[in-house]
């Protein structure tokens, strides 16, 4: 029984299975964090991690806040005057 007996008898699995595990971990990491943005395990973009469009002006943001009810009409008018 020489060393070749152990190689063909299963010693190759000592290298093969850890390699499969590492490739699996890398695949899961890519699926979650792939393409630079965090995506949950199902691939959906979480609303907390979404970013505003850069083309949105301060007045657009102010109108959005007023429409959502975050600020009153008086606050809206005062801020609109300060922005303009």
PDB file of N, CA and C in Angstrom:
ATOM      1  N   UNK A   1       0.839  -1.181   0.000  1.00  0.00           N
ATOM      2  CA  UNK A   1       0.000   0.000   0.000  1.00  0.00           C
ATOM      3  C   UNK A   1       0.886   1.247   0.000  1.00  0.00           C
ATOM      4  N   UNK A   2       0.932   1.925  -1.116  1.00  0.00           N
ATOM      5  CA  UNK A   2       1.713   3.144  -1.234  1.00  0.00           C
ATOM      6  C   UNK A   2       0.830   4.365  -1.040  1.00  0.00           C
ATOM      7  N   UNK A   3       1.414   5.539  -1.199  1.00  0.00           N
ATOM      8  CA  UNK A   3       0.655   6.776  -1.015  1.00  0.00           C
ATOM      9  C   UNK A   3      -0.489   6.931  -2.007  1.00  0.00           C
ATOM     10  N   UNK A   4      -0.362   6.338  -3.189  1.00  0.00           N
ATOM     11  CA  UNK A   4      -1.447   6.448  -4.169  1.00  0.00           C
ATOM     12  C   UNK A   4      -2.725   5.783  -3.684  1.00  0.00           C
ATOM     13  N   UNK A   5      -2.612   4.819  -2.801  1.00  0.00           N
ATOM     14  CA  UNK A   5      -3.789   4.156  -2.254  1.00  0.00           C
ATOM     15  C   UNK A   5      -4.650   5.163  -1.489  1.00  0.00           C
ATOM     16  N   UNK A   6      -4.031   6.008  -0.688  1.00  0.00           N
ATOM     17  CA  UNK A   6      -4.782   6.982   0.104  1.00  0.00           C
ATOM     18  C   UNK A   6      -5.378   8.082  -0.772  1.00  0.00           C
ATOM     19  N   UNK A   7      -4.682   8.462  -1.841  1.00  0.00           N
ATOM     20  CA  UNK A   7      -5.201   9.498  -2.728  1.00  0.00           C
ATOM     21  C   UNK A   7      -6.488   9.035  -3.379  1.00  0.00           C
ATOM     22  N   UNK A   8      -6.505   7.854  -3.923  1.00  0.00           N
ATOM     23  CA  UNK A   8      -7.705   7.358  -4.602  1.00  0.00           C
ATOM     24  C   UNK A   8      -8.728   6.832  -3.607  1.00  0.00           C
ATOM     25  N   UNK A   9      -8.316   6.581  -2.397  1.00  0.00           N
ATOM     26  CA  UNK A   9      -9.231   6.045  -1.406  1.00  0.00           C
ATOM     27  C   UNK A   9     -10.046   7.098  -0.686  1.00  0.00           C
ATOM     28  N   UNK A  10      -9.851   8.339  -0.954  1.00  0.00           N
ATOM     29  CA  UNK A  10     -10.679   9.357  -0.318  1.00  0.00           C
ATOM     30  C   UNK A  10      -9.926  10.549   0.210  1.00  0.00           C
ATOM     31  N   UNK A  11      -8.612  10.550   0.102  1.00  0.00           N
ATOM     32  CA  UNK A  11      -7.854  11.678   0.604  1.00  0.00           C
ATOM     33  C   UNK A  11      -8.133  12.941  -0.214  1.00  0.00           C
ATOM     34  N   UNK A  12      -8.569  12.801  -1.440  1.00  0.00           N
ATOM     35  CA  UNK A  12      -8.903  13.949  -2.286  1.00  0.00           C
ATOM     36  C   UNK A  12     -10.074  14.737  -1.726  1.00  0.00           C
ATOM     37  N   UNK A  13     -10.933  14.060  -0.938  1.00  0.00           N
ATOM     38  CA  UNK A  13     -12.090  14.751  -0.354  1.00  0.00           C
ATOM     39  C   UNK A  13     -11.660  15.793   0.673  1.00  0.00           C
ATOM     40  N   UNK A  14     -10.473  15.606   1.252  1.00  0.00           N
ATOM     41  CA  UNK A  14      -9.970  16.561   2.228  1.00  0.00           C
ATOM     42  C   UNK A  14      -9.794  17.935   1.586  1.00  0.00           C
ATOM     43  N   UNK A  15      -9.553  18.014   0.298  1.00  0.00           N
ATOM     44  CA  UNK A  15      -9.387  19.271  -0.419  1.00  0.00           C
ATOM     45  C   UNK A  15     -10.646  19.684  -1.158  1.00  0.00           C
ATOM     46  N   UNK A  16     -11.432  18.733  -1.584  1.00  0.00           N
ATOM     47  CA  UNK A  16     -12.590  19.016  -2.421  1.00  0.00           C
ATOM     48  C   UNK A  16     -13.738  19.645  -1.631  1.00  0.00           C
ATOM     49  N   UNK A  17     -14.105  19.099  -0.494  1.00  0.00           N
ATOM     50  CA  UNK A  17     -15.260  19.588   0.264  1.00  0.00           C
ATOM     51  C   UNK A  17     -15.051  20.993   0.843  1.00  0.00           C
ATOM     52  N   UNK A  18     -13.894  21.318   1.407  1.00  0.00           N
ATOM     53  CA  UNK A  18     -13.703  22.718   1.836  1.00  0.00           C
ATOM     54  C   UNK A  18     -13.787  23.702   0.666  1.00  0.00           C
ATOM     55  N   UNK A  19     -13.320  23.294  -0.505  1.00  0.00           N
ATOM     56  CA  UNK A  19     -13.419  24.143  -1.685  1.00  0.00           C
ATOM     57  C   UNK A  19     -14.880  24.399  -2.043  1.00  0.00           C
ATOM     58  N   UNK A  20     -15.718  23.382  -1.982  1.00  0.00           N
ATOM     59  CA  UNK A  20     -17.149  23.523  -2.256  1.00  0.00           C
ATOM     60  C   UNK A  20     -17.792  24.459  -1.233  1.00  0.00           C
ATOM     61  N   UNK A  21     -17.417  24.345   0.016  1.00  0.00           N
ATOM     62  CA  UNK A  21     -17.979  25.194   1.070  1.00  0.00           C
ATOM     63  C   UNK A  21     -17.587  26.657   0.844  1.00  0.00           C
ATOM     64  N   UNK A  22     -16.333  26.917   0.492  1.00  0.00           N
ATOM     65  CA  UNK A  22     -15.874  28.288   0.246  1.00  0.00           C
ATOM     66  C   UNK A  22     -16.600  28.893  -0.951  1.00  0.00           C
ATOM     67  N   UNK A  23     -16.759  28.130  -2.020  1.00  0.00           N
ATOM     68  CA  UNK A  23     -17.485  28.630  -3.197  1.00  0.00           C
ATOM     69  C   UNK A  23     -18.937  28.938  -2.825  1.00  0.00           C
ATOM     70  N   UNK A  24     -19.557  28.116  -2.004  1.00  0.00           N
ATOM     71  CA  UNK A  24     -20.933  28.355  -1.563  1.00  0.00           C
ATOM     72  C   UNK A  24     -21.057  29.634  -0.748  1.00  0.00           C
ATOM     73  N   UNK A  25     -20.117  29.872   0.147  1.00  0.00           N
ATOM     74  CA  UNK A  25     -20.134  31.091   0.962  1.00  0.00           C
ATOM     75  C   UNK A  25     -19.976  32.325   0.075  1.00  0.00           C
ATOM     76  N   UNK A  26     -19.070  32.262  -0.888  1.00  0.00           N
ATOM     77  CA  UNK A  26     -18.879  33.387  -1.799  1.00  0.00           C
ATOM     78  C   UNK A  26     -20.114  33.643  -2.646  1.00  0.00           C
ATOM     79  N   UNK A  27     -20.793  32.602  -3.068  1.00  0.00           N
ATOM     80  CA  UNK A  27     -22.015  32.746  -3.859  1.00  0.00           C
ATOM     81  C   UNK A  27     -23.121  33.413  -3.039  1.00  0.00           C
ATOM     82  N   UNK A  28     -23.290  32.990  -1.808  1.00  0.00           N
ATOM     83  CA  UNK A  28     -24.303  33.592  -0.939  1.00  0.00           C
ATOM     84  C   UNK A  28     -23.970  35.058  -0.676  1.00  0.00           C
ATOM     85  N   UNK A  29     -22.703  35.369  -0.436  1.00  0.00           N
ATOM     86  CA  UNK A  29     -22.300  36.762  -0.208  1.00  0.00           C
ATOM     87  C   UNK A  29     -22.575  37.612  -1.439  1.00  0.00           C
ATOM     88  N   UNK A  30     -22.333  37.081  -2.618  1.00  0.00           N
ATOM     89  CA  UNK A  30     -22.615  37.843  -3.842  1.00  0.00           C
ATOM     90  C   UNK A  30     -24.115  38.078  -4.012  1.00  0.00           C
ATOM     91  N   UNK A  31     -24.919  37.079  -3.711  1.00  0.00           N
ATOM     92  CA  UNK A  31     -26.364  37.228  -3.870  1.00  0.00           C
ATOM     93  C   UNK A  31     -26.934  38.266  -2.901  1.00  0.00           C
ATOM     94  N   UNK A  32     -26.348  38.385  -1.721  1.00  0.00           N
ATOM     95  CA  UNK A  32     -26.845  39.349  -0.745  1.00  0.00           C
ATOM     96  C   UNK A  32     -26.287  40.740  -1.010  1.00  0.00           C
ATOM     97  N   UNK A  33     -24.988  40.847  -1.243  1.00  0.00           N
ATOM     98  CA  UNK A  33     -24.346  42.152  -1.368  1.00  0.00           C
ATOM     99  C   UNK A  33     -23.933  42.484  -2.797  1.00  0.00           C
ATOM    100  N   UNK A  34     -24.378  41.724  -3.762  1.00  0.00           N
ATOM    101  CA  UNK A  34     -23.935  41.895  -5.142  1.00  0.00           C
ATOM    102  C   UNK A  34     -24.295  43.233  -5.743  1.00  0.00           C
ATOM    103  N   UNK A  35     -23.478  43.668  -6.653  1.00  0.00           N
ATOM    104  CA  UNK A  35     -23.661  44.897  -7.420  1.00  0.00           C
ATOM    105  C   UNK A  35     -23.673  46.146  -6.561  1.00  0.00           C
ATOM    106  N   UNK A  36     -23.046  46.125  -5.399  1.00  0.00           N
ATOM    107  CA  UNK A  36     -22.822  47.341  -4.635  1.00  0.00           C
ATOM    108  C   UNK A  36     -23.942  47.820  -3.743  1.00  0.00           C
ATOM    109  N   UNK A  37     -25.109  47.246  -3.771  1.00  0.00           N
ATOM    110  CA  UNK A  37     -26.206  47.684  -2.915  1.00  0.00           C
ATOM    111  C   UNK A  37     -26.669  46.510  -2.073  1.00  0.00           C
ATOM    112  N   UNK A  38     -27.084  46.811  -0.866  1.00  0.00           N
ATOM    113  CA  UNK A  38     -27.571  45.749   0.004  1.00  0.00           C
ATOM    114  C   UNK A  38     -28.930  45.273  -0.486  1.00  0.00           C
ATOM    115  N   UNK A  39     -29.045  43.996  -0.666  1.00  0.00           N
ATOM    116  CA  UNK A  39     -30.318  43.376  -0.999  1.00  0.00           C
ATOM    117  C   UNK A  39     -30.539  42.281   0.041  1.00  0.00           C
ATOM    118  N   UNK A  40     -31.725  42.200   0.519  1.00  0.00           N
ATOM    119  CA  UNK A  40     -32.023  41.174   1.506  1.00  0.00           C
ATOM    120  C   UNK A  40     -31.885  39.790   0.908  1.00  0.00           C
ATOM    121  N   UNK A  41     -32.096  38.760   1.685  1.00  0.00           N
ATOM    122  CA  UNK A  41     -31.955  37.400   1.179  1.00  0.00           C
ATOM    123  C   UNK A  41     -32.865  37.101  -0.011  1.00  0.00           C
ATOM    124  N   UNK A  42     -33.965  37.813  -0.131  1.00  0.00           N
ATOM    125  CA  UNK A  42     -34.880  37.578  -1.252  1.00  0.00           C
ATOM    126  C   UNK A  42     -34.575  38.489  -2.435  1.00  0.00           C
ATOM    127  N   UNK A  43     -33.594  39.359  -2.318  1.00  0.00           N
ATOM    128  CA  UNK A  43     -33.204  40.227  -3.414  1.00  0.00           C
ATOM    129  C   UNK A  43     -33.934  41.547  -3.463  1.00  0.00           C
ATOM    130  N   UNK A  44     -34.779  41.835  -2.477  1.00  0.00           N
ATOM    131  CA  UNK A  44     -35.521  43.093  -2.481  1.00  0.00           C
ATOM    132  C   UNK A  44     -34.676  44.198  -1.876  1.00  0.00           C
ATOM    133  N   UNK A  45     -34.779  45.367  -2.437  1.00  0.00           N
ATOM    134  CA  UNK A  45     -34.072  46.516  -1.891  1.00  0.00           C
ATOM    135  C   UNK A  45     -34.875  47.038  -0.711  1.00  0.00           C
ATOM    136  N   UNK A  46     -34.240  47.133   0.427  1.00  0.00           N
ATOM    137  CA  UNK A  46     -34.925  47.622   1.621  1.00  0.00           C
ATOM    138  C   UNK A  46     -35.157  49.121   1.489  1.00  0.00           C
ATOM    139  N   UNK A  47     -36.344  49.599   1.876  1.00  0.00           N
ATOM    140  CA  UNK A  47     -36.684  51.012   1.716  1.00  0.00           C
ATOM    141  C   UNK A  47     -35.748  51.903   2.523  1.00  0.00           C
ATOM    142  N   UNK A  48     -35.241  51.411   3.642  1.00  0.00           N
ATOM    143  CA  UNK A  48     -34.326  52.207   4.455  1.00  0.00           C
ATOM    144  C   UNK A  48     -33.026  52.494   3.720  1.00  0.00           C
ATOM    145  N   UNK A  49     -32.649  51.620   2.782  1.00  0.00           N
ATOM    146  CA  UNK A  49     -31.387  51.766   2.078  1.00  0.00           C
ATOM    147  C   UNK A  49     -31.543  52.417   0.711  1.00  0.00           C
ATOM    148  N   UNK A  50     -32.739  52.842   0.380  1.00  0.00           N
ATOM    149  CA  UNK A  50     -32.916  53.485  -0.920  1.00  0.00           C
ATOM    150  C   UNK A  50     -32.406  54.926  -0.837  1.00  0.00           C
ATOM    151  N   UNK A  51     -31.975  55.428  -1.953  1.00  0.00           N
ATOM    152  CA  UNK A  51     -31.410  56.765  -1.991  1.00  0.00           C
ATOM    153  C   UNK A  51     -32.275  57.672  -2.851  1.00  0.00           C
ATOM    154  N   UNK A  52     -32.312  58.957  -2.476  1.00  0.00           N
ATOM    155  CA  UNK A  52     -33.073  59.927  -3.256  1.00  0.00           C
ATOM    156  C   UNK A  52     -32.359  60.159  -4.582  1.00  0.00           C
ATOM    157  N   UNK A  53     -33.146  60.516  -5.565  1.00  0.00           N
ATOM    158  CA  UNK A  53     -32.552  60.864  -6.846  1.00  0.00           C
ATOM    159  C   UNK A  53     -31.810  62.188  -6.683  1.00  0.00           C
ATOM    160  N   UNK A  54     -30.681  62.307  -7.342  1.00  0.00           N
ATOM    161  CA  UNK A  54     -29.894  63.522  -7.209  1.00  0.00           C
ATOM    162  C   UNK A  54     -30.569  64.711  -7.870  1.00  0.00           C
ATOM    163  N   UNK A  55     -31.494  64.471  -8.789  1.00  0.00           N
ATOM    164  CA  UNK A  55     -32.138  65.566  -9.495  1.00  0.00           C
ATOM    165  C   UNK A  55     -33.269  66.202  -8.673  1.00  0.00           C
ATOM    166  N   UNK A  56     -33.555  65.675  -7.505  1.00  0.00           N
ATOM    167  CA  UNK A  56     -34.624  66.210  -6.667  1.00  0.00           C
ATOM    168  C   UNK A  56     -34.156  67.514  -6.021  1.00  0.00           C
ATOM    169  N   UNK A  57     -34.913  68.574  -6.223  1.00  0.00           N
ATOM    170  CA  UNK A  57     -34.544  69.892  -5.696  1.00  0.00           C
ATOM    171  C   UNK A  57     -35.047  70.046  -4.265  1.00  0.00           C
ATOM    172  N   UNK A  58     -34.521  71.031  -3.520  1.00  0.00           N
ATOM    173  CA  UNK A  58     -35.017  71.276  -2.166  1.00  0.00           C
ATOM    174  C   UNK A  58     -36.522  71.589  -2.145  1.00  0.00           C
ATOM    175  N   UNK A  59     -37.010  72.278  -3.170  1.00  0.00           N
ATOM    176  CA  UNK A  59     -38.438  72.589  -3.229  1.00  0.00           C
ATOM    177  C   UNK A  59     -39.271  71.316  -3.417  1.00  0.00           C
ATOM    178  N   UNK A  60     -38.763  70.372  -4.213  1.00  0.00           N
ATOM    179  CA  UNK A  60     -39.452  69.088  -4.376  1.00  0.00           C
ATOM    180  C   UNK A  60     -39.529  68.333  -3.050  1.00  0.00           C
ATOM    181  N   UNK A  61     -38.450  68.363  -2.305  1.00  0.00           N
ATOM    182  CA  UNK A  61     -38.425  67.689  -1.002  1.00  0.00           C
ATOM    183  C   UNK A  61     -39.412  68.354  -0.051  1.00  0.00           C
ATOM    184  N   UNK A  62     -39.441  69.686  -0.080  1.00  0.00           N
ATOM    185  CA  UNK A  62     -40.371  70.430   0.778  1.00  0.00           C
ATOM    186  C   UNK A  62     -41.817  70.100   0.428  1.00  0.00           C
ATOM    187  N   UNK A  63     -42.137  70.061  -0.861  1.00  0.00           N
ATOM    188  CA  UNK A  63     -43.493  69.707  -1.291  1.00  0.00           C
ATOM    189  C   UNK A  63     -43.852  68.292  -0.855  1.00  0.00           C
ATOM    190  N   UNK A  64     -42.905  67.392  -0.952  1.00  0.00           N
ATOM    191  CA  UNK A  64     -43.137  66.009  -0.542  1.00  0.00           C
ATOM    192  C   UNK A  64     -43.431  65.923   0.959  1.00  0.00           C
ATOM    193  N   UNK A  65     -42.657  66.650   1.762  1.00  0.00           N
ATOM    194  CA  UNK A  65     -42.886  66.649   3.212  1.00  0.00           C
ATOM    195  C   UNK A  65     -44.252  67.229   3.565  1.00  0.00           C
ATOM    196  N   UNK A  66     -44.659  68.280   2.850  1.00  0.00           N
ATOM    197  CA  UNK A  66     -45.975  68.884   3.098  1.00  0.00           C
ATOM    198  C   UNK A  66     -47.088  67.919   2.691  1.00  0.00           C
ATOM    199  N   UNK A  67     -46.896  67.238   1.582  1.00  0.00           N
ATOM    200  CA  UNK A  67     -47.903  66.288   1.116  1.00  0.00           C
ATOM    201  C   UNK A  67     -48.044  65.105   2.071  1.00  0.00           C
ATOM    202  N   UNK A  68     -46.966  64.709   2.701  1.00  0.00           N
ATOM    203  CA  UNK A  68     -47.012  63.595   3.658  1.00  0.00           C
ATOM    204  C   UNK A  68     -47.582  64.026   5.005  1.00  0.00           C
ATOM    205  N   UNK A  69     -47.698  65.337   5.218  1.00  0.00           N
ATOM    206  CA  UNK A  69     -48.222  65.829   6.493  1.00  0.00           C
ATOM    207  C   UNK A  69     -47.165  65.989   7.555  1.00  0.00           C
ATOM    208  N   UNK A  70     -45.909  65.979   7.172  1.00  0.00           N
ATOM    209  CA  UNK A  70     -44.828  66.124   8.147  1.00  0.00           C
ATOM    210  C   UNK A  70     -44.701  67.557   8.651  1.00  0.00           C
ATOM    211  N   UNK A  71     -45.124  68.526   7.834  1.00  0.00           N
ATOM    212  CA  UNK A  71     -45.048  69.937   8.230  1.00  0.00           C
ATOM    213  C   UNK A  71     -46.403  70.601   7.972  1.00  0.00           C
ATOM    214  N   UNK A  72     -46.643  71.690   8.697  1.00  0.00           N
ATOM    215  CA  UNK A  72     -47.911  72.420   8.539  1.00  0.00           C
ATOM    216  C   UNK A  72     -47.805  73.383   7.359  1.00  0.00           C
ATOM    217  N   UNK A  73     -48.949  73.983   7.003  1.00  0.00           N
ATOM    218  CA  UNK A  73     -48.974  74.938   5.890  1.00  0.00           C
ATOM    219  C   UNK A  73     -48.127  76.163   6.202  1.00  0.00           C
ATOM    220  N   UNK A  74     -48.150  76.618   7.446  1.00  0.00           N
ATOM    221  CA  UNK A  74     -47.355  77.777   7.833  1.00  0.00           C
ATOM    222  C   UNK A  74     -45.858  77.473   7.710  1.00  0.00           C
ATOM    223  N   UNK A  75     -45.467  76.291   8.182  1.00  0.00           N
ATOM    224  CA  UNK A  75     -44.072  75.891   8.062  1.00  0.00           C
ATOM    225  C   UNK A  75     -43.675  75.762   6.595  1.00  0.00           C
ATOM    226  N   UNK A  76     -44.583  75.219   5.786  1.00  0.00           N
ATOM    227  CA  UNK A  76     -44.317  75.064   4.354  1.00  0.00           C
ATOM    228  C   UNK A  76     -44.086  76.432   3.705  1.00  0.00           C
ATOM    229  N   UNK A  77     -44.971  77.370   3.976  1.00  0.00           N
ATOM    230  CA  UNK A  77     -44.849  78.708   3.376  1.00  0.00           C
ATOM    231  C   UNK A  77     -43.566  79.398   3.824  1.00  0.00           C
ATOM    232  N   UNK A  78     -43.235  79.277   5.107  1.00  0.00           N
ATOM    233  CA  UNK A  78     -42.022  79.921   5.617  1.00  0.00           C
ATOM    234  C   UNK A  78     -40.778  79.314   4.976  1.00  0.00           C
ATOM    235  N   UNK A  79     -40.721  78.000   4.909  1.00  0.00           N
ATOM    236  CA  UNK A  79     -39.554  77.336   4.313  1.00  0.00           C
ATOM    237  C   UNK A  79     -39.463  77.605   2.818  1.00  0.00           C
ATOM    238  N   UNK A  80     -40.601  77.686   2.140  1.00  0.00           N
ATOM    239  CA  UNK A  80     -40.606  77.961   0.700  1.00  0.00           C
ATOM    240  C   UNK A  80     -40.017  79.336   0.420  1.00  0.00           C
ATOM    241  N   UNK A  81     -40.377  80.314   1.283  1.00  0.00           N
ATOM    242  CA  UNK A  81     -39.830  81.668   1.124  1.00  0.00           C
ATOM    243  C   UNK A  81     -38.335  81.703   1.379  1.00  0.00           C
ATOM    244  N   UNK A  82     -37.879  80.914   2.376  1.00  0.00           N
ATOM    245  CA  UNK A  82     -36.453  80.871   2.675  1.00  0.00           C
ATOM    246  C   UNK A  82     -35.658  80.231   1.557  1.00  0.00           C
ATOM    247  N   UNK A  83     -36.254  79.225   0.915  1.00  0.00           N
ATOM    248  CA  UNK A  83     -35.572  78.544  -0.182  1.00  0.00           C
ATOM    249  C   UNK A  83     -35.480  79.433  -1.414  1.00  0.00           C
ATOM    250  N   UNK A  84     -36.551  80.151  -1.714  1.00  0.00           N
ATOM    251  CA  UNK A  84     -36.589  80.968  -2.942  1.00  0.00           C
ATOM    252  C   UNK A  84     -35.751  82.208  -2.869  1.00  0.00           C
TER     253      UNK A  84
END
